[in-house]
Amino acid sequence: EIQFGGPPKDGIPAIDRPRFDSASQARDWLAPQEPVILLRIGRAARAYPLQILMYHEIVNDSLAGVPVAVTFCPLCNASLVFDRRLDGRTLDFGTTGRLRKSDLVMYDRQTETWWQQFTGEGIVGALAGRQLRMLPSEVVAFEEFVAAHPAGEVLSRRTGHARPYGRNPYRGYDRVGQNPFLFDDPVD
């Protein structure tokens, strides 16, 4: 079920040292209706624009003292956030370059275990069968994030990588009648 997706391991680079803009700074490059992943932990709130995650798929971050992995698979449009702690250690995630059922397969750099992004389950390696804890998050318009969290932070385009943020490299992928990429199961 695991197939090579095109880019090599870490060919889609995770963001390991995220930088953040204020909501007012992000207004210069984010349109009001643009989708962001909203993560709230306690009183802290951050927005992770899909236009950035489209090119990185994983952000290893910490919010309110909780180490988190903010993930997005542009092929299956799954936006999920996980607690990076497991068995007393903090895991850091990267991309394997593989897909399973047209979904991102992540790996942790500590054990090299492969993880299914859509479920948070370890599927290959030392932690196979283990489950990452999902954290509540939602995809909202940028303007909704700002209205609810005016002092909230927004993942910055200053990622250390030159990418055409704001352009969709998967244009046309979601065309009606087109089968999902590298998906062999029956399509419902």
Protein backbone atom coordinates (compact mmCIF):
# COMPACT_ATOMS: atom_id res chain seq x y z
CA GLU A 1 0.00 0.00 0.00
CA ILE A 2 2.97 2.35 0.48
CA GLN A 3 4.09 3.90 -2.78
CA PHE A 4 6.80 6.31 -3.85
CA GLY A 5 5.18 9.73 -4.28
CA GLY A 6 7.85 11.51 -6.32
CA PRO A 7 9.99 13.65 -3.99
CA PRO A 8 12.73 11.88 -2.00
CA LYS A 9 12.84 11.71 1.80
CA ASP A 10 12.63 15.30 3.08
CA GLY A 11 12.28 16.49 -0.53
CA ILE A 12 9.27 18.34 0.84
CA PRO A 13 11.04 19.98 3.80
CA ALA A 14 9.30 20.22 7.15
CA ILE A 15 9.52 23.55 8.97
CA ASP A 16 11.59 22.96 12.10
CA ARG A 17 12.20 26.53 13.25
CA PRO A 18 8.92 28.28 12.55
CA ARG A 19 8.77 32.05 12.65
CA PHE A 20 5.59 34.00 13.19
CA ASP A 21 4.02 37.26 12.10
CA SER A 22 1.37 39.25 13.88
CA ALA A 23 -2.09 39.18 12.32
CA SER A 24 -1.61 42.75 11.09
CA GLN A 25 1.71 41.82 9.40
CA ALA A 26 0.11 38.75 7.79
CA ARG A 27 -2.62 40.93 6.26
CA ASP A 28 0.04 42.14 3.80
CA TRP A 29 0.22 38.70 2.19
CA LEU A 30 -2.83 36.71 3.33
CA ALA A 31 -6.27 37.39 1.83
CA PRO A 32 -9.23 37.50 4.26
CA GLN A 33 -10.76 34.26 2.92
CA GLU A 34 -7.54 32.24 2.75
CA PRO A 35 -7.67 29.01 4.74
CA VAL A 36 -5.50 28.58 7.82
CA ILE A 37 -5.24 25.78 10.36
CA LEU A 38 -6.27 27.27 13.69
CA LEU A 39 -4.64 25.72 16.75
CA ARG A 40 -5.63 26.82 20.25
CA ILE A 41 -4.04 25.55 23.42
CA GLY A 42 -5.21 27.32 26.53
CA ARG A 43 -5.21 31.05 25.74
CA ALA A 44 -2.59 30.73 22.99
CA ALA A 45 -3.68 30.62 19.35
CA ARG A 46 -1.77 30.32 16.11
CA ALA A 47 -2.72 30.20 12.44
CA TYR A 48 -0.84 28.05 9.94
CA PRO A 49 -1.71 29.14 6.37
CA LEU A 50 -2.37 26.30 3.94
CA GLN A 51 -0.49 28.28 1.27
CA ILE A 52 2.69 27.57 3.28
CA LEU A 53 1.83 24.04 4.40
CA MET A 54 1.15 23.17 0.74
CA TYR A 55 4.95 23.32 0.27
CA HIS A 56 6.10 21.90 3.62
CA GLU A 57 3.32 19.57 4.87
CA ILE A 58 4.72 19.50 8.44
CA VAL A 59 5.54 22.19 11.00
CA ASN A 60 7.35 21.01 14.14
CA ASP A 61 6.35 23.63 16.68
CA SER A 62 5.50 24.20 20.34
CA LEU A 63 2.49 26.14 21.59
CA ALA A 64 1.81 26.87 25.26
CA GLY A 65 4.58 24.44 26.17
CA VAL A 66 3.09 21.59 24.11
CA PRO A 67 5.29 20.22 21.30
CA VAL A 68 3.05 19.87 18.24
CA ALA A 69 3.23 18.68 14.65
CA VAL A 70 0.92 20.69 12.41
CA THR A 71 0.37 18.62 9.28
CA PHE A 72 -1.35 19.05 5.93
CA CYS A 73 -1.58 16.60 3.05
CA PRO A 74 -2.45 18.53 -0.12
CA LEU A 75 -3.38 15.32 -1.94
CA CYS A 76 -6.17 14.28 0.42
CA ASN A 77 -6.76 17.73 1.97
CA ALA A 78 -6.23 16.43 5.51
CA SER A 79 -5.26 19.04 8.12
CA LEU A 80 -4.30 17.41 11.41
CA VAL A 81 -2.35 18.44 14.51
CA PHE A 82 -0.57 15.96 16.77
CA ASP A 83 1.09 16.11 20.17
CA ARG A 84 4.72 15.18 19.41
CA ARG A 85 5.24 13.56 22.81
CA LEU A 86 5.22 9.78 23.07
CA ASP A 87 6.59 7.63 25.89
CA GLY A 88 8.37 10.54 27.57
CA ARG A 89 10.23 11.76 24.50
CA THR A 90 9.51 14.43 21.92
CA LEU A 91 9.49 13.34 18.30
CA ASP A 92 10.36 15.52 15.30
CA PHE A 93 8.73 14.72 11.99
CA GLY A 94 9.73 14.85 8.35
CA THR A 95 8.33 13.62 5.05
CA THR A 96 9.25 10.16 3.74
CA GLY A 97 8.46 10.91 0.09
CA ARG A 98 5.96 8.06 0.27
CA LEU A 99 2.19 7.94 0.13
CA ARG A 100 -0.33 5.45 1.41
CA LYS A 101 -3.84 5.70 -0.01
CA SER A 102 -2.93 9.11 -1.49
CA ASP A 103 -1.98 10.40 1.98
CA LEU A 104 1.30 11.69 3.39
CA VAL A 105 3.52 9.18 5.18
CA MET A 106 5.60 11.02 7.79
CA TYR A 107 8.59 9.69 9.73
CA ASP A 108 10.00 10.60 13.10
CA ARG A 109 13.68 11.46 13.19
CA GLN A 110 14.26 9.73 16.52
CA THR A 111 13.25 6.16 15.55
CA GLU A 112 12.68 6.41 11.76
CA THR A 113 9.17 5.01 12.29
CA TRP A 114 6.78 5.82 9.43
CA TRP A 115 3.45 7.39 10.43
CA GLN A 116 0.19 7.66 8.48
CA GLN A 117 -0.73 11.35 8.55
CA PHE A 118 -4.48 10.80 8.24
CA THR A 119 -4.67 8.58 11.34
CA GLY A 120 -1.52 9.37 13.34
CA GLU A 121 -0.72 5.66 13.51
CA GLY A 122 2.79 4.22 13.29
CA ILE A 123 2.74 1.87 10.29
CA VAL A 124 6.38 0.79 9.80
CA GLY A 125 9.26 0.66 12.29
CA ALA A 126 9.93 0.50 16.01
CA LEU A 127 6.73 2.39 16.92
CA ALA A 128 4.43 0.61 14.45
CA GLY A 129 0.99 0.17 15.98
CA ARG A 130 1.41 3.17 18.28
CA GLN A 131 -0.88 6.17 18.02
CA LEU A 132 -0.05 9.88 18.16
CA ARG A 133 -2.53 11.98 20.13
CA MET A 134 -4.52 14.28 17.88
CA LEU A 135 -5.16 17.79 19.11
CA PRO A 136 -8.30 19.73 18.23
CA SER A 137 -7.79 22.12 15.34
CA GLU A 138 -9.90 23.54 12.56
CA VAL A 139 -9.53 25.10 9.15
CA VAL A 140 -10.96 28.61 9.08
CA ALA A 141 -10.68 31.73 6.93
CA PHE A 142 -7.85 34.04 7.96
CA GLU A 143 -10.37 36.79 8.77
CA GLU A 144 -12.19 34.44 11.19
CA PHE A 145 -8.90 33.72 12.95
CA VAL A 146 -8.13 37.44 13.30
CA ALA A 147 -11.65 38.23 14.58
CA ALA A 148 -11.43 35.52 17.25
CA HIS A 149 -7.73 35.96 18.10
CA PRO A 150 -6.55 39.50 17.22
CA ALA A 151 -3.32 38.95 19.18
CA GLY A 152 -2.76 35.49 17.66
CA GLU A 153 0.34 34.62 15.67
CA VAL A 154 0.50 33.54 12.02
CA LEU A 155 3.14 31.21 10.57
CA SER A 156 5.45 33.45 8.55
CA ARG A 157 6.53 33.04 4.95
CA ARG A 158 10.05 33.51 6.28
CA THR A 159 10.67 29.76 6.35
CA GLY A 160 14.25 29.65 5.12
CA HIS A 161 13.04 28.11 1.85
CA ALA A 162 12.35 29.82 -1.48
CA ARG A 163 8.85 28.72 -2.48
CA PRO A 164 6.10 30.46 -4.48
CA TYR A 165 3.75 30.67 -1.49
CA GLY A 166 0.25 31.56 -2.60
CA ARG A 167 0.47 29.47 -5.80
CA ASN A 168 -1.07 26.02 -5.83
CA PRO A 169 1.31 23.39 -7.25
CA TYR A 170 -1.56 20.89 -7.27
CA ARG A 171 -3.85 22.90 -9.54
CA GLY A 172 -6.45 20.73 -11.21
CA TYR A 173 -5.82 17.81 -8.87
CA ASP A 174 -9.29 18.18 -7.36
CA ARG A 175 -11.09 18.10 -10.71
CA VAL A 176 -14.34 16.17 -10.62
CA GLY A 177 -13.92 12.73 -12.16
CA GLN A 178 -10.16 12.57 -11.60
CA ASN A 179 -9.03 9.64 -9.46
CA PRO A 180 -6.83 10.42 -6.45
CA PHE A 181 -3.07 10.17 -7.06
CA LEU A 182 -1.61 6.76 -6.14
CA PHE A 183 -4.89 5.50 -4.71
CA ASP A 184 -5.82 1.94 -5.70
CA ASP A 185 -8.83 1.29 -3.45
CA PRO A 186 -12.39 1.67 -4.73
CA VAL A 187 -13.34 5.35 -4.96
CA ASP A 188 -16.56 6.16 -3.10
